[in-house]
Every structure is written in structure tokens, then in C-alpha cells.
Amino acid sequence: MYTKGQGVPQGYVLAHMWISLAALESEGTTRNEALKNMDHVASIMTPAQVAEAQNLAREWKPKKEKP
């Protein structure tokens, strides 16, 4: 969604972050596809953008659900 700006503002940093997080939670073919997509997005980003996306992914924490 972030790669193409579908329903959200286009942003490669957030696209890379979310794909990275998805890859971590996936396995098999799904993981391979996520990694392929992450590599594609990274290829059109600057090194600084990739580093920012990696930092965001490392720092991301899920929101706690309300009781």
C-alpha cells in the first residue's frame, strides 16, 4: 500500500518497514515474497532511507489492546 500510495500517502520508508515486519512474521513462500518485495523497494531508496526504515522496524511495538 505504501509503495504505490494505495489508500495511504506513498512512502518507501514505511513500505520497507512494514514489509520487513511482515517478513519477520512469515515463513516459506510468503517470507520469500516479502523479502523479494523488500529488496525491490530498497533498490529505489537511498541508503539513508533504508537505514531509517530499518530503525523504524526495530523500534516498532504493537499497540496494546484495550480491555
C-alpha atoms as a PDB file:
ATOM      1  CA  MET A   1       0.000   0.000   0.000  1.00  0.00           C
ATOM      2  CA  TYR A   2       2.754   2.449   0.923  1.00  0.00           C
ATOM      3  CA  THR A   3       4.840   1.509  -2.117  1.00  0.00           C
ATOM      4  CA  LYS A   4       2.090   2.596  -4.512  1.00  0.00           C
ATOM      5  CA  GLY A   5       0.224   5.018  -2.269  1.00  0.00           C
ATOM      6  CA  GLN A   6      -2.958   2.950  -2.230  1.00  0.00           C
ATOM      7  CA  GLY A   7      -5.195   4.373   0.495  1.00  0.00           C
ATOM      8  CA  VAL A   8      -2.207   5.958   2.255  1.00  0.00           C
ATOM      9  CA  PRO A   9       0.387   8.552   1.244  1.00  0.00           C
ATOM     10  CA  GLN A  10       3.136   6.940  -0.832  1.00  0.00           C
ATOM     11  CA  GLY A  11       6.254   6.397   1.224  1.00  0.00           C
ATOM     12  CA  TYR A  12       9.088   3.974   0.587  1.00  0.00           C
ATOM     13  CA  VAL A  13      10.411   4.189   4.152  1.00  0.00           C
ATOM     14  CA  LEU A  14       7.131   2.991   5.646  1.00  0.00           C
ATOM     15  CA  ALA A  15       6.697   0.451   2.847  1.00  0.00           C
ATOM     16  CA  HIS A  16      10.099  -1.055   3.634  1.00  0.00           C
ATOM     17  CA  MET A  17       9.358  -1.027   7.370  1.00  0.00           C
ATOM     18  CA  TRP A  18       6.032  -2.870   7.035  1.00  0.00           C
ATOM     19  CA  ILE A  19       7.379  -5.381   4.515  1.00  0.00           C
ATOM     20  CA  SER A  20      10.303  -6.066   6.844  1.00  0.00           C
ATOM     21  CA  LEU A  21       7.960  -6.685   9.769  1.00  0.00           C
ATOM     22  CA  ALA A  22       5.785  -8.951   7.610  1.00  0.00           C
ATOM     23  CA  ALA A  23       8.848 -10.959   6.564  1.00  0.00           C
ATOM     24  CA  LEU A  24       9.787 -11.498  10.199  1.00  0.00           C
ATOM     25  CA  GLU A  25       6.363 -12.973  10.946  1.00  0.00           C
ATOM     26  CA  SER A  26       6.187 -15.112   7.797  1.00  0.00           C
ATOM     27  CA  GLU A  27       7.747 -18.335   6.631  1.00  0.00           C
ATOM     28  CA  GLY A  28       8.191 -20.304   3.432  1.00  0.00           C
ATOM     29  CA  THR A  29       6.939 -18.831   0.188  1.00  0.00           C
ATOM     30  CA  THR A  30       5.252 -15.913   1.923  1.00  0.00           C
ATOM     31  CA  ARG A  31       8.516 -14.917   3.591  1.00  0.00           C
ATOM     32  CA  ASN A  32      10.415 -15.245   0.310  1.00  0.00           C
ATOM     33  CA  GLU A  33       7.905 -12.980  -1.440  1.00  0.00           C
ATOM     34  CA  ALA A  34       8.134 -10.412   1.355  1.00  0.00           C
ATOM     35  CA  LEU A  35      11.936 -10.425   1.144  1.00  0.00           C
ATOM     36  CA  LYS A  36      11.764 -10.045  -2.637  1.00  0.00           C
ATOM     37  CA  ASN A  37       9.405  -7.072  -2.250  1.00  0.00           C
ATOM     38  CA  MET A  38      11.645  -5.558   0.426  1.00  0.00           C
ATOM     39  CA  ASP A  39      14.663  -5.832  -1.876  1.00  0.00           C
ATOM     40  CA  HIS A  40      12.703  -4.170  -4.685  1.00  0.00           C
ATOM     41  CA  VAL A  41      11.673  -1.247  -2.508  1.00  0.00           C
ATOM     42  CA  ALA A  42      15.225  -0.923  -1.142  1.00  0.00           C
ATOM     43  CA  SER A  43      16.561  -0.712  -4.704  1.00  0.00           C
ATOM     44  CA  ILE A  44      14.693   2.560  -5.268  1.00  0.00           C
ATOM     45  CA  MET A  45      15.570   4.066  -1.878  1.00  0.00           C
ATOM     46  CA  THR A  46      18.643   5.935  -0.726  1.00  0.00           C
ATOM     47  CA  PRO A  47      20.893   4.253   1.846  1.00  0.00           C
ATOM     48  CA  ALA A  48      19.690   6.811   4.414  1.00  0.00           C
ATOM     49  CA  GLN A  49      16.058   5.874   3.727  1.00  0.00           C
ATOM     50  CA  VAL A  50      16.840   2.164   4.098  1.00  0.00           C
ATOM     51  CA  ALA A  51      18.588   2.840   7.403  1.00  0.00           C
ATOM     52  CA  GLU A  52      15.592   4.882   8.609  1.00  0.00           C
ATOM     53  CA  ALA A  53      13.196   2.074   7.647  1.00  0.00           C
ATOM     54  CA  GLN A  54      15.346  -0.498   9.439  1.00  0.00           C
ATOM     55  CA  ASN A  55      15.404   1.657  12.574  1.00  0.00           C
ATOM     56  CA  LEU A  56      11.629   2.088  12.472  1.00  0.00           C
ATOM     57  CA  ALA A  57      11.147  -1.674  12.120  1.00  0.00           C
ATOM     58  CA  ARG A  58      13.465  -2.359  15.064  1.00  0.00           C
ATOM     59  CA  GLU A  59      11.661   0.181  17.253  1.00  0.00           C
ATOM     60  CA  TRP A  60       8.107  -0.780  16.250  1.00  0.00           C
ATOM     61  CA  LYS A  61       5.938  -2.167  19.018  1.00  0.00           C
ATOM     62  CA  PRO A  62       2.335  -3.329  18.648  1.00  0.00           C
ATOM     63  CA  LYS A  63      -0.311  -1.236  20.331  1.00  0.00           C
ATOM     64  CA  LYS A  64      -1.744  -2.754  23.459  1.00  0.00           C
ATOM     65  CA  GLU A  65      -5.357  -3.782  23.079  1.00  0.00           C
ATOM     66  CA  LYS A  66      -7.898  -2.036  25.246  1.00  0.00           C
ATOM     67  CA  PRO A  67      -9.671  -4.318  27.743  1.00  0.00           C
END
